[in-house]
Amino acid sequence: MAKKRSKKGAMSGCNISNGCKSKKGGLTAKGRRMINRKTGSKLKAPQPGGGSRKKSYCARSAGQMKKFPKAAKDPNSRLRKARRRWKC
């Protein structure tokens, strides 16, 4: 029987100082590996060149901009940095 993995607390222990999160916004390759290992998910690197994943991410993150206006106004928020990295 396969071991069921919990998604709760997957980001705990993941921060900029240990190299999991990027200062530019988003996760580093190390951070994606860590989350994938903890949750069994299949996170991929950003797709700024275009395609369906970029279109989907930009649409989802636009919704986050509406939901969190404080983060949307701050140019140094992780949300805004990630959107810049994805070229949204």
N, C-alpha and C. Protein backbone atom coordinates (compact mmCIF):
# COMPACT_ATOMS: atom_id res chain seq x y z
N MET A 1 0.84 -1.17 0.00
CA MET A 1 0.00 0.00 0.00
C MET A 1 0.89 1.24 0.00
N ALA A 2 0.56 2.22 -0.85
CA ALA A 2 1.35 3.45 -0.96
C ALA A 2 1.11 4.35 0.25
N LYS A 3 2.15 5.02 0.64
CA LYS A 3 2.07 5.94 1.78
C LYS A 3 1.37 7.22 1.33
N LYS A 4 0.32 7.62 2.03
CA LYS A 4 -0.40 8.83 1.68
C LYS A 4 0.33 10.02 2.29
N ARG A 5 0.59 11.03 1.49
CA ARG A 5 1.32 12.19 1.97
C ARG A 5 0.37 13.33 2.27
N SER A 6 0.67 14.04 3.32
CA SER A 6 -0.14 15.17 3.74
C SER A 6 0.37 16.44 3.09
N LYS A 7 -0.54 17.30 2.62
CA LYS A 7 -0.15 18.57 2.02
C LYS A 7 -0.09 19.68 3.05
N LYS A 8 -0.62 19.44 4.24
CA LYS A 8 -0.65 20.48 5.26
C LYS A 8 0.77 20.76 5.75
N GLY A 9 1.14 22.03 5.77
CA GLY A 9 2.46 22.41 6.26
C GLY A 9 3.58 22.13 5.27
N ALA A 10 3.27 22.02 4.00
CA ALA A 10 4.29 21.69 3.01
C ALA A 10 5.32 22.81 2.87
N MET A 11 4.90 24.04 3.10
CA MET A 11 5.81 25.17 2.95
C MET A 11 6.60 25.46 4.23
N SER A 12 6.28 24.78 5.34
CA SER A 12 7.02 25.04 6.56
C SER A 12 8.47 24.61 6.37
N GLY A 13 9.38 25.45 6.80
CA GLY A 13 10.79 25.15 6.64
C GLY A 13 11.35 25.62 5.31
N CYS A 14 10.51 26.20 4.48
CA CYS A 14 10.95 26.69 3.17
C CYS A 14 11.01 28.21 3.24
N ASN A 15 12.22 28.78 3.17
CA ASN A 15 12.35 30.22 3.23
C ASN A 15 13.53 30.68 2.36
N ILE A 16 13.72 31.98 2.30
CA ILE A 16 14.77 32.54 1.45
C ILE A 16 16.15 32.15 1.97
N SER A 17 16.32 32.16 3.29
CA SER A 17 17.65 31.92 3.85
C SER A 17 18.18 30.51 3.60
N ASN A 18 17.30 29.51 3.48
CA ASN A 18 17.82 28.16 3.21
C ASN A 18 17.78 27.82 1.71
N GLY A 19 17.43 28.81 0.87
CA GLY A 19 17.53 28.63 -0.57
C GLY A 19 16.32 28.02 -1.23
N CYS A 20 15.21 27.87 -0.53
CA CYS A 20 14.01 27.30 -1.14
C CYS A 20 13.19 28.34 -1.90
N LYS A 21 13.15 29.56 -1.35
CA LYS A 21 12.43 30.64 -2.02
C LYS A 21 13.44 31.59 -2.63
N SER A 22 13.07 32.15 -3.77
CA SER A 22 13.94 33.09 -4.46
C SER A 22 13.64 34.51 -4.00
N LYS A 23 14.66 35.35 -3.95
CA LYS A 23 14.45 36.76 -3.62
C LYS A 23 13.69 37.45 -4.73
N LYS A 24 13.74 36.91 -5.93
CA LYS A 24 13.03 37.48 -7.07
C LYS A 24 11.56 37.11 -7.08
N GLY A 25 11.15 36.22 -6.21
CA GLY A 25 9.76 35.76 -6.17
C GLY A 25 9.66 34.34 -6.68
N GLY A 26 8.81 33.54 -6.07
CA GLY A 26 8.65 32.16 -6.48
C GLY A 26 9.62 31.22 -5.77
N LEU A 27 9.65 29.99 -6.22
CA LEU A 27 10.50 28.98 -5.61
C LEU A 27 11.73 28.72 -6.48
N THR A 28 12.79 28.29 -5.84
CA THR A 28 13.98 27.86 -6.57
C THR A 28 13.80 26.38 -6.92
N ALA A 29 14.75 25.83 -7.67
CA ALA A 29 14.68 24.41 -8.00
C ALA A 29 14.72 23.57 -6.73
N LYS A 30 15.53 24.00 -5.76
CA LYS A 30 15.60 23.29 -4.48
C LYS A 30 14.25 23.32 -3.76
N GLY A 31 13.59 24.46 -3.79
CA GLY A 31 12.28 24.60 -3.15
C GLY A 31 11.23 23.72 -3.81
N ARG A 32 11.25 23.66 -5.15
CA ARG A 32 10.29 22.81 -5.87
C ARG A 32 10.52 21.35 -5.52
N ARG A 33 11.79 20.92 -5.45
CA ARG A 33 12.09 19.53 -5.07
C ARG A 33 11.58 19.23 -3.67
N MET A 34 11.78 20.17 -2.75
CA MET A 34 11.35 19.98 -1.37
C MET A 34 9.83 19.84 -1.27
N ILE A 35 9.10 20.71 -1.95
CA ILE A 35 7.63 20.65 -1.92
C ILE A 35 7.14 19.37 -2.59
N ASN A 36 7.74 19.01 -3.72
CA ASN A 36 7.35 17.78 -4.42
C ASN A 36 7.57 16.55 -3.54
N ARG A 37 8.68 16.54 -2.83
CA ARG A 37 8.99 15.41 -1.95
C ARG A 37 7.99 15.33 -0.80
N LYS A 38 7.66 16.48 -0.20
CA LYS A 38 6.75 16.50 0.95
C LYS A 38 5.32 16.16 0.57
N THR A 39 4.86 16.63 -0.59
CA THR A 39 3.45 16.51 -0.93
C THR A 39 3.15 15.50 -2.01
N GLY A 40 4.17 15.07 -2.74
CA GLY A 40 3.93 14.15 -3.84
C GLY A 40 3.42 14.87 -5.09
N SER A 41 3.51 16.21 -5.11
CA SER A 41 3.04 16.97 -6.26
C SER A 41 4.11 17.01 -7.34
N LYS A 42 3.84 17.69 -8.44
CA LYS A 42 4.78 17.76 -9.56
C LYS A 42 4.93 19.21 -10.00
N LEU A 43 5.42 20.07 -9.09
CA LEU A 43 5.63 21.47 -9.45
C LEU A 43 6.69 21.58 -10.53
N LYS A 44 6.49 22.49 -11.45
CA LYS A 44 7.44 22.71 -12.53
C LYS A 44 7.98 24.12 -12.45
N ALA A 45 9.05 24.38 -13.18
CA ALA A 45 9.65 25.71 -13.22
C ALA A 45 8.72 26.67 -13.97
N PRO A 46 8.87 27.99 -13.77
CA PRO A 46 8.04 28.96 -14.49
C PRO A 46 8.18 28.81 -16.00
N GLN A 47 7.16 29.23 -16.72
CA GLN A 47 7.14 29.14 -18.18
C GLN A 47 6.93 30.55 -18.75
N PRO A 48 7.92 31.44 -18.60
CA PRO A 48 7.72 32.81 -19.06
C PRO A 48 7.66 32.96 -20.57
N GLY A 49 8.12 31.95 -21.32
CA GLY A 49 8.13 32.03 -22.77
C GLY A 49 6.76 31.98 -23.41
N GLY A 50 5.76 31.48 -22.72
CA GLY A 50 4.42 31.39 -23.27
C GLY A 50 3.89 29.98 -23.17
N GLY A 51 2.65 29.81 -23.57
CA GLY A 51 2.03 28.51 -23.52
C GLY A 51 0.85 28.49 -22.55
N SER A 52 0.24 27.34 -22.44
CA SER A 52 -0.98 27.22 -21.64
C SER A 52 -0.72 27.38 -20.15
N ARG A 53 0.43 26.92 -19.64
CA ARG A 53 0.72 27.07 -18.21
C ARG A 53 0.88 28.53 -17.84
N LYS A 54 1.52 29.30 -18.71
CA LYS A 54 1.70 30.73 -18.44
C LYS A 54 0.34 31.43 -18.43
N LYS A 55 -0.48 31.12 -19.40
CA LYS A 55 -1.80 31.74 -19.50
C LYS A 55 -2.63 31.43 -18.26
N SER A 56 -2.58 30.18 -17.82
CA SER A 56 -3.32 29.75 -16.64
C SER A 56 -2.79 30.43 -15.38
N TYR A 57 -1.46 30.49 -15.23
CA TYR A 57 -0.88 31.12 -14.04
C TYR A 57 -1.24 32.60 -13.98
N CYS A 58 -1.11 33.28 -15.10
CA CYS A 58 -1.40 34.72 -15.12
C CYS A 58 -2.86 34.98 -14.77
N ALA A 59 -3.76 34.14 -15.22
CA ALA A 59 -5.18 34.30 -14.88
C ALA A 59 -5.41 34.06 -13.39
N ARG A 60 -4.79 33.00 -12.83
CA ARG A 60 -4.95 32.72 -11.40
C ARG A 60 -4.36 33.83 -10.55
N SER A 61 -3.18 34.30 -10.92
CA SER A 61 -2.53 35.32 -10.10
C SER A 61 -3.24 36.67 -10.22
N ALA A 62 -3.92 36.91 -11.33
CA ALA A 62 -4.72 38.14 -11.45
C ALA A 62 -5.85 38.10 -10.43
N GLY A 63 -6.41 36.93 -10.19
CA GLY A 63 -7.43 36.76 -9.16
C GLY A 63 -6.87 37.02 -7.78
N GLN A 64 -5.62 36.60 -7.54
CA GLN A 64 -4.97 36.86 -6.26
C GLN A 64 -4.75 38.36 -6.07
N MET A 65 -4.47 39.07 -7.17
CA MET A 65 -4.27 40.52 -7.09
C MET A 65 -5.57 41.20 -6.63
N LYS A 66 -6.71 40.68 -7.11
CA LYS A 66 -7.99 41.24 -6.70
C LYS A 66 -8.31 40.90 -5.25
N LYS A 67 -7.97 39.68 -4.86
CA LYS A 67 -8.30 39.21 -3.52
C LYS A 67 -7.43 39.89 -2.45
N PHE A 68 -6.19 40.20 -2.80
CA PHE A 68 -5.26 40.80 -1.84
C PHE A 68 -4.76 42.14 -2.37
N PRO A 69 -5.58 43.20 -2.24
CA PRO A 69 -5.19 44.50 -2.80
C PRO A 69 -3.94 45.08 -2.16
N LYS A 70 -3.67 44.74 -0.91
CA LYS A 70 -2.47 45.25 -0.24
C LYS A 70 -1.22 44.71 -0.94
N ALA A 71 -1.22 43.43 -1.27
CA ALA A 71 -0.09 42.83 -1.99
C ALA A 71 -0.01 43.36 -3.42
N ALA A 72 -1.16 43.65 -4.02
CA ALA A 72 -1.20 44.13 -5.39
C ALA A 72 -0.58 45.51 -5.52
N LYS A 73 -0.69 46.31 -4.46
CA LYS A 73 -0.15 47.68 -4.50
C LYS A 73 1.34 47.72 -4.20
N ASP A 74 1.85 46.73 -3.49
CA ASP A 74 3.25 46.71 -3.08
C ASP A 74 4.11 46.10 -4.20
N PRO A 75 4.99 46.87 -4.82
CA PRO A 75 5.80 46.31 -5.92
C PRO A 75 6.80 45.25 -5.46
N ASN A 76 7.07 45.17 -4.15
CA ASN A 76 8.02 44.18 -3.65
C ASN A 76 7.34 42.97 -3.03
N SER A 77 6.01 42.83 -3.18
CA SER A 77 5.32 41.67 -2.64
C SER A 77 5.70 40.43 -3.45
N ARG A 78 5.61 39.27 -2.82
CA ARG A 78 5.97 38.02 -3.51
C ARG A 78 5.06 37.79 -4.72
N LEU A 79 3.82 38.19 -4.61
CA LEU A 79 2.87 38.04 -5.71
C LEU A 79 3.32 38.84 -6.93
N ARG A 80 3.67 40.10 -6.71
CA ARG A 80 4.09 40.95 -7.82
C ARG A 80 5.42 40.47 -8.40
N LYS A 81 6.33 40.02 -7.55
CA LYS A 81 7.62 39.53 -8.03
C LYS A 81 7.43 38.28 -8.89
N ALA A 82 6.56 37.39 -8.44
CA ALA A 82 6.31 36.17 -9.21
C ALA A 82 5.66 36.49 -10.55
N ARG A 83 4.73 37.44 -10.56
CA ARG A 83 4.10 37.83 -11.83
C ARG A 83 5.12 38.44 -12.79
N ARG A 84 6.05 39.21 -12.27
CA ARG A 84 7.12 39.76 -13.12
C ARG A 84 7.98 38.65 -13.69
N ARG A 85 8.27 37.66 -12.85
CA ARG A 85 9.12 36.55 -13.29
C ARG A 85 8.44 35.73 -14.38
N TRP A 86 7.13 35.61 -14.31
CA TRP A 86 6.36 34.87 -15.31
C TRP A 86 6.05 35.76 -16.52
N LYS A 87 6.39 37.07 -16.43
CA LYS A 87 6.12 38.04 -17.50
C LYS A 87 4.63 38.18 -17.76
N CYS A 88 3.86 38.33 -16.68
CA CYS A 88 2.41 38.53 -16.80
C CYS A 88 2.12 40.01 -16.99
